[in-house]
Protein backbone atom coordinates (compact mmCIF):
# COMPACT_ATOMS: atom_id res chain seq x y z
CA MET A 1 8.19 9.28 -37.41
CA GLN A 2 7.43 5.63 -38.22
CA ASN A 3 11.15 4.82 -38.15
CA ASN A 4 11.47 6.30 -34.64
CA ARG A 5 8.60 4.13 -33.38
CA LEU A 6 10.13 1.02 -34.93
CA ALA A 7 13.52 1.87 -33.47
CA MET A 8 12.02 2.43 -30.01
CA HIS A 9 10.08 -0.86 -30.21
CA PHE A 10 13.19 -2.75 -31.32
CA PHE A 11 15.29 -1.18 -28.57
CA SER A 12 12.76 -1.85 -25.81
CA ALA A 13 12.00 -5.39 -27.01
CA ASN A 14 15.69 -6.32 -26.95
CA SER A 15 16.62 -4.51 -23.74
CA PRO A 16 16.55 -6.77 -20.73
CA MET A 17 14.78 -5.49 -17.66
CA PRO A 18 17.13 -4.42 -14.88
CA ARG A 19 17.91 -7.00 -12.21
CA TYR A 20 17.53 -6.05 -8.56
CA PHE A 21 18.95 -7.89 -5.57
CA PHE A 22 17.33 -8.03 -2.14
CA HIS A 23 19.92 -8.58 0.59
CA ILE A 24 18.65 -9.19 4.13
CA LYS A 25 20.55 -7.28 6.81
CA ARG A 26 20.09 -7.94 10.51
CA GLY A 27 22.56 -6.22 12.81
CA ARG A 28 26.05 -7.03 11.57
CA MET A 29 24.90 -10.04 9.52
CA THR A 30 23.84 -9.74 5.88
CA THR A 31 22.43 -12.57 3.78
CA LEU A 32 23.19 -11.89 0.14
CA ASP A 33 20.72 -12.48 -2.65
CA HIS A 34 22.78 -14.04 -5.44
CA GLU A 35 19.92 -14.53 -7.90
CA GLY A 36 18.00 -11.26 -7.93
CA VAL A 37 14.81 -10.53 -9.83
CA GLU A 38 14.23 -8.75 -13.12
CA LEU A 39 11.80 -5.88 -12.56
CA ALA A 40 10.58 -3.00 -14.71
CA ASP A 41 12.05 -0.19 -12.61
CA ILE A 42 13.12 0.99 -9.18
CA ALA A 43 9.49 1.59 -8.11
CA ALA A 44 8.74 -2.09 -8.78
CA ALA A 45 11.85 -3.00 -6.77
CA ALA A 46 10.58 -0.91 -3.83
CA LYS A 47 7.23 -2.72 -3.92
CA GLU A 48 8.95 -6.10 -4.06
CA ALA A 49 11.22 -5.19 -1.13
CA ALA A 50 8.24 -4.12 0.99
CA ARG A 51 6.38 -7.33 0.11
CA LEU A 52 9.43 -9.44 0.96
CA GLY A 53 9.90 -7.63 4.29
CA ARG A 54 6.26 -8.27 5.25
CA GLU A 55 6.55 -11.91 4.18
CA ILE A 56 9.67 -12.48 6.29
CA ALA A 57 8.15 -10.81 9.38
CA ALA A 58 4.85 -12.71 9.03
CA ARG A 59 6.69 -16.03 8.66
CA GLU A 60 8.70 -15.32 11.81
CA VAL A 61 5.54 -14.46 13.76
CA SER A 62 3.80 -17.64 12.56
CA GLN A 63 6.82 -19.70 13.65
CA GLY A 64 6.97 -18.03 17.07
CA ILE A 65 10.29 -16.35 16.33
CA ALA A 66 10.80 -13.06 18.14
CA HIS A 67 10.86 -10.20 15.66
CA THR A 68 14.20 -8.46 15.39
CA ASP A 69 14.98 -5.28 13.51
CA GLY A 70 16.27 -5.72 10.01
CA VAL A 71 16.17 -4.27 6.55
CA ILE A 72 16.03 -5.38 2.95
CA VAL A 73 18.93 -3.72 1.11
CA VAL A 74 17.94 -3.23 -2.52
CA ALA A 75 20.86 -3.23 -4.95
CA ASN A 76 20.96 -2.84 -8.72
CA GLN A 77 22.52 -5.22 -11.25
CA HIS A 78 25.96 -3.85 -10.39
CA TRP A 79 25.36 -4.75 -6.71
CA SER A 80 25.32 -1.06 -5.88
CA PRO A 81 22.94 -0.44 -2.93
CA LYS A 82 20.07 1.88 -3.83
CA PHE A 83 17.87 1.98 -0.71
CA GLU A 84 16.70 -0.01 2.33
CA VAL A 85 13.22 -1.13 3.39
CA PRO A 86 12.48 -2.26 6.97
CA ILE A 87 11.40 -5.83 7.68
CA GLU A 88 8.03 -5.34 9.34
CA CYS A 89 4.39 -6.31 9.38
CA ASP A 90 1.38 -5.45 11.53
CA GLU A 91 1.56 -8.73 13.46
CA ALA A 92 5.28 -8.26 14.19
CA GLN A 93 4.82 -4.82 15.72
CA GLY A 94 3.19 -5.71 18.98
């Protein structure tokens, strides 16, 4: 049993966290995220995408830019799209 715990600790300590990319898509234009962020799992990536979408929308509102529909496309380390999150915030929906 002790060997299993040591093996699991060694494996998890040496396994890098997955990298997620957050591409911004507006209409036919997509801005690619070439850096990405290492996050614990896909749930953390969903939270980060929602936060990023709110941040983008709030910045546009504060700069007087008209809000346009868009999404954050979340992709894994292989650049395979996993899901999309809308770019929105309370101030932008009015």
